[in-house]
Structures are given as structure tokens and as C-alpha cells.
Amino acid sequence: MTVDVPAVPQPTIAIAGEAERFPVRRIFCVGRNYADHAREMGHDPDAEPPFFFTKPADAAVPGGVLPFPARTDDLHHEVELVVALGGGGANIDRAEALGLVFGSAVGLDLTRRDLQADAKKLARPWDMAKGFDASAPIAPLTRGLPATDAAITLTIDGELRQQGHLSDLIWPIDALIAELSTYVALAPGDLIFTGTPSGVGPIRPGETLVATVAGLPPLEVRFEG
């Protein structure tokens, strides 16, 4: 019996002011890349190199109304600068890394914190805590990068929950790209979530989040009950 192979569309994200869209190949995230966030999670920011995890490409979704994720009673927000690569390679020299950047956007690394805590306790992978459906909302990309000292914030129903500056990154963008490229060969279409400042916390059904990085389009997400 012959079975037709389904046509699977490639995930894409919007580019601000353009009809063309950016095709997403892979999503990489770096953990604990702001000192205050590392401390609030119980870690010493001076004691470890960057570490990475992934989300599926179709976890990238635009802002708007999203369903509240299943299998969690403790969904957390993590506002982040997202970098989109227009070039790639392995063992990239740090001096060349920023030349590979296509654009940037503000995004949310959504985390089912209760599932993550259980996985840590049992020494199991984090995949279902981090890589679930619609776990990476992203605003439209802007070509290039924001200022290195740009403010990054998140509010819930108008109340400020997270704030910091990109200058607070422990590992700046060029260093992240260079380090990640020693693990995998990077390629056009890859996204890198660069870490979140302190203040991560729970999201309730019905709440509206607004995430910002100065100089970039904001991201607004409301979660259905």
C-alpha cells in the first residue's frame, strides 16, 4: 500500500516592515545568562560556562491569544532577546560571530516549571518542560541587533515583573554564538534565545504579558483560561 507523505510547512516568523518571512531551522536557548537570574535559581553565576538546550522549530509562534499549556500548574515567563542567524559554521571565531546575525526580536521562553523541577529531581531530560507546543512566542524580527545596553522588560497585566539591560548578559551575543558553534555547526535559520533577567515567575490563565527590548517591536501574549 502506498501512503502519501504529508507536506509539512516550515515554521517562519515575521520580519518587521517586510512581507518576506524568516524560516526557522532550529531553536537554541542558553540557561542562566544573567547573574541575578542565576542567583534566584540557586546558582553561582561565576562558576559555570554557558549551557544550552533546544526547542522544536514550530514552538516559535507570534504574539496574540495562546491556549494555556496542558500538564502544568506552574507555567513561568522568561523574557529574552532572540537572535536570528543569517549565516553559520562550526568553531566560529568570536570576532566574526556578529557578522552572522540576520536580526533580533524579543521572545518568551515559556517553562512548565513543575515539570522541570520533577525532571531535575529524577535526573531526567527537560524536554517536556521547555519544548512544548507554542513555548517560544516571538515578536517580529528587526534586522541587526539592538544597542548593547538596551533595556529588557516584562509586565503582566501592567505590573512590572522582569527588568534588566542587555549589558547585564554574562556571555554576550558574540561569545554565545562562538561557544554554541563548538557543539554544533550553526546555519541560517537558527534562533538563539540569549537568557532572561531575574524576576521569572508564574503566569495565570487570563493574564496578558507584554515583553520588550528597547528598539524592537514589543511582544504581547494573553493566555486563555
Protein backbone atom coordinates (compact mmCIF):
# COMPACT_ATOMS: atom_id res chain seq x y z
CA MET A 1 0.00 0.00 0.00
CA THR A 2 1.30 3.43 -0.92
CA VAL A 3 0.95 6.17 1.68
CA ASP A 4 1.29 9.78 0.63
CA VAL A 5 4.00 11.64 2.52
CA PRO A 6 2.38 14.66 4.19
CA ALA A 7 3.59 18.10 3.25
CA VAL A 8 4.90 19.72 6.44
CA PRO A 9 5.25 23.51 6.27
CA GLN A 10 8.45 25.07 7.59
CA PRO A 11 7.89 27.32 10.59
CA THR A 12 8.50 31.01 9.89
CA ILE A 13 8.43 34.25 11.85
CA ALA A 14 7.60 37.75 10.71
CA ILE A 15 10.17 40.37 9.74
CA ALA A 16 9.15 43.88 10.79
CA GLY A 17 8.06 46.04 7.86
CA GLU A 18 8.55 43.29 5.27
CA ALA A 19 6.27 40.83 3.50
CA GLU A 20 9.01 38.19 3.49
CA ARG A 21 9.20 35.87 6.49
CA PHE A 22 12.19 34.31 8.22
CA PRO A 23 12.35 30.47 8.01
CA VAL A 24 13.17 28.84 11.34
CA ARG A 25 15.60 25.91 11.29
CA ARG A 26 16.37 25.26 14.96
CA ILE A 27 15.86 27.00 18.30
CA PHE A 28 18.67 27.07 20.84
CA CYS A 29 18.36 28.56 24.32
CA VAL A 30 21.06 29.42 26.84
CA GLY A 31 20.40 28.95 30.54
CA ARG A 32 21.25 31.32 33.39
CA ASN A 33 22.94 34.06 31.36
CA TYR A 34 22.06 36.94 33.72
CA ALA A 35 23.78 36.92 37.12
CA ASP A 36 20.68 37.87 39.13
CA HIS A 37 18.64 35.14 37.46
CA ALA A 38 21.37 32.56 38.11
CA ARG A 39 21.29 33.53 41.79
CA GLU A 40 17.49 33.38 42.03
CA MET A 41 17.68 29.85 40.64
CA GLY A 42 20.23 28.91 43.30
CA HIS A 43 23.43 29.00 41.23
CA ASP A 44 26.73 30.90 41.27
CA PRO A 45 26.95 32.97 38.04
CA ASP A 46 30.76 32.97 38.21
CA ALA A 47 31.13 29.21 38.48
CA GLU A 48 29.91 27.79 35.19
CA PRO A 49 30.28 28.17 31.41
CA PRO A 50 27.13 28.64 29.30
CA PHE A 51 24.91 25.63 28.74
CA PHE A 52 22.31 25.16 26.03
CA PHE A 53 19.01 23.39 25.43
CA THR A 54 16.65 23.31 22.46
CA LYS A 55 13.04 23.78 21.48
CA PRO A 56 11.39 22.46 18.30
CA ALA A 57 11.25 24.94 15.43
CA ASP A 58 7.44 25.03 15.46
CA ALA A 59 7.46 26.18 19.10
CA ALA A 60 8.06 29.64 17.58
CA VAL A 61 4.68 31.38 17.35
CA PRO A 62 3.60 35.03 17.06
CA GLY A 63 2.05 37.01 19.88
CA GLY A 64 -1.68 37.14 20.44
CA VAL A 65 -4.01 34.82 22.29
CA LEU A 66 -2.49 31.45 23.19
CA PRO A 67 -4.03 28.45 24.93
CA PHE A 68 -2.75 27.85 28.44
CA PRO A 69 -0.42 24.83 28.19
CA ALA A 70 -1.55 21.41 29.35
CA ARG A 71 0.08 19.32 32.09
CA THR A 72 1.25 22.22 34.26
CA ASP A 73 0.13 24.11 37.34
CA ASP A 74 3.24 26.32 37.32
CA LEU A 75 3.84 27.97 33.93
CA HIS A 76 6.65 30.55 34.11
CA HIS A 77 7.64 33.52 31.93
CA GLU A 78 11.22 34.25 30.85
CA VAL A 79 11.64 37.33 28.63
CA GLU A 80 14.65 37.13 26.30
CA LEU A 81 16.42 38.76 23.39
CA VAL A 82 16.27 36.35 20.45
CA VAL A 83 18.99 36.40 17.79
CA ALA A 84 18.30 35.03 14.29
CA LEU A 85 21.24 33.83 12.22
CA GLY A 86 21.67 34.55 8.53
CA GLY A 87 24.94 32.63 8.36
CA GLY A 88 26.62 29.83 10.20
CA GLY A 89 29.51 27.46 10.59
CA ALA A 90 31.41 25.41 13.17
CA ASN A 91 34.04 26.72 15.58
CA ILE A 92 33.19 30.31 14.68
CA ASP A 93 35.69 32.93 15.74
CA ARG A 94 34.18 35.38 18.21
CA ALA A 95 35.37 38.30 16.09
CA GLU A 96 33.26 37.02 13.19
CA ALA A 97 30.16 35.99 15.15
CA LEU A 98 28.11 39.19 14.97
CA GLY A 99 28.52 39.26 11.19
CA LEU A 100 26.35 36.13 11.03
CA VAL A 101 23.36 37.78 12.70
CA PHE A 102 20.38 38.48 10.45
CA GLY A 103 18.19 40.14 13.02
CA SER A 104 16.78 40.12 16.53
CA ALA A 105 13.49 40.13 18.39
CA VAL A 106 12.02 39.89 21.85
CA GLY A 107 10.70 36.46 22.80
CA LEU A 108 9.41 34.37 25.68
CA ASP A 109 10.99 31.13 26.84
CA LEU A 110 7.91 29.59 28.46
CA THR A 111 8.68 26.94 31.06
CA ARG A 112 6.50 24.35 32.76
CA ARG A 113 8.45 24.84 35.99
CA ASP A 114 6.78 21.99 37.87
CA LEU A 115 7.74 19.52 35.14
CA GLN A 116 11.27 20.95 35.07
CA ALA A 117 11.60 20.56 38.85
CA ASP A 118 10.45 16.94 38.64
CA ALA A 119 12.88 16.25 35.79
CA LYS A 120 15.79 17.74 37.74
CA LYS A 121 14.90 15.74 40.85
CA LEU A 122 14.78 12.50 38.84
CA ALA A 123 17.83 13.38 36.67
CA ARG A 124 15.68 13.25 33.54
CA PRO A 125 15.67 15.47 30.42
CA TRP A 126 13.89 18.83 30.43
CA ASP A 127 12.26 18.39 27.02
CA MET A 128 8.63 18.39 28.14
CA ALA A 129 9.28 21.33 30.46
CA LYS A 130 10.81 23.55 27.78
CA GLY A 131 9.92 22.24 24.32
CA PHE A 132 6.13 22.02 24.35
CA ASP A 133 3.71 23.49 21.79
CA ALA A 134 3.87 27.30 21.43
CA SER A 135 6.60 27.52 24.08
CA ALA A 136 8.58 30.19 22.18
CA PRO A 137 6.40 33.21 21.30
CA ILE A 138 8.43 35.74 19.28
CA ALA A 139 7.72 39.28 18.08
CA PRO A 140 8.64 40.28 14.51
CA LEU A 141 12.36 40.32 13.75
CA THR A 142 14.22 43.55 13.17
CA ARG A 143 17.32 43.37 11.01
CA GLY A 144 20.51 43.78 13.03
CA LEU A 145 20.90 43.97 16.80
CA PRO A 146 19.62 46.42 19.42
CA ALA A 147 22.00 48.56 21.45
CA THR A 148 24.20 46.55 23.81
CA ASP A 149 22.74 48.43 26.79
CA ALA A 150 19.09 48.18 25.66
CA ALA A 151 16.54 47.69 28.43
CA ILE A 152 14.62 44.39 28.58
CA THR A 153 11.32 44.16 30.49
CA LEU A 154 8.22 42.08 31.06
CA THR A 155 4.89 43.15 32.53
CA ILE A 156 1.82 41.10 33.46
CA ASP A 157 -1.47 43.00 33.35
CA GLY A 158 0.57 46.22 33.53
CA GLU A 159 2.67 45.19 36.55
CA LEU A 160 6.46 45.11 36.04
CA ARG A 161 7.82 41.61 36.72
CA GLN A 162 11.21 41.47 34.95
CA GLN A 163 13.69 44.17 34.02
CA GLY A 164 17.34 44.38 33.09
CA HIS A 165 19.72 45.50 30.36
CA LEU A 166 21.44 43.55 27.61
CA SER A 167 24.71 44.82 29.07
CA ASP A 168 23.96 42.52 32.05
CA LEU A 169 24.48 39.40 29.90
CA ILE A 170 27.19 37.20 31.43
CA TRP A 171 28.04 35.81 27.99
CA PRO A 172 27.40 38.47 25.30
CA ILE A 173 25.94 37.57 21.93
CA ASP A 174 29.22 37.12 20.07
CA ALA A 175 30.56 34.83 22.80
CA LEU A 176 27.33 32.77 22.82
CA ILE A 177 27.44 32.24 19.05
CA ALA A 178 31.10 31.25 19.15
CA GLU A 179 30.62 28.87 22.08
CA LEU A 180 27.48 27.24 20.65
CA SER A 181 29.28 26.65 17.36
CA THR A 182 31.79 24.41 19.15
CA TYR A 183 28.93 21.99 19.91
CA VAL A 184 27.02 22.10 16.60
CA ALA A 185 27.53 23.63 13.17
CA LEU A 186 25.23 26.64 13.11
CA ALA A 187 23.26 27.53 9.98
CA PRO A 188 20.97 30.21 8.52
CA GLY A 189 17.56 29.98 10.15
CA ASP A 190 18.85 29.12 13.63
CA LEU A 191 17.44 31.15 16.53
CA ILE A 192 19.26 31.71 19.82
CA PHE A 193 17.38 32.74 22.97
CA THR A 194 20.06 34.60 24.93
CA GLY A 195 18.86 34.30 28.53
CA THR A 196 16.48 36.04 30.93
CA PRO A 197 16.94 38.59 33.72
CA SER A 198 15.72 37.94 37.24
CA GLY A 199 12.05 38.03 38.22
CA VAL A 200 10.83 34.89 36.48
CA GLY A 201 7.55 33.73 37.90
CA PRO A 202 4.13 32.19 37.31
CA ILE A 203 1.55 33.04 34.65
CA ARG A 204 -2.16 32.58 35.35
CA PRO A 205 -4.87 31.88 32.76
CA GLY A 206 -6.40 35.13 31.52
CA GLU A 207 -3.29 37.24 32.13
CA THR A 208 -1.68 39.44 29.47
CA LEU A 209 2.10 39.63 29.13
CA VAL A 210 3.99 42.42 27.35
CA ALA A 211 7.67 41.74 26.68
CA THR A 212 10.02 44.45 25.41
CA VAL A 213 13.58 45.05 24.32
CA ALA A 214 14.22 48.74 23.65
CA GLY A 215 14.42 49.44 19.94
CA LEU A 216 12.50 46.30 18.90
CA PRO A 217 8.77 45.63 18.33
CA PRO A 218 7.11 44.50 21.59
CA LEU A 219 5.54 41.10 22.12
CA GLU A 220 2.07 40.82 23.67
CA VAL A 221 0.60 37.47 24.67
CA ARG A 222 -2.63 36.65 26.50
CA PHE A 223 -3.27 33.17 27.83
CA GLU A 224 -6.76 31.70 27.57
CA GLY A 225 -8.19 30.08 30.65
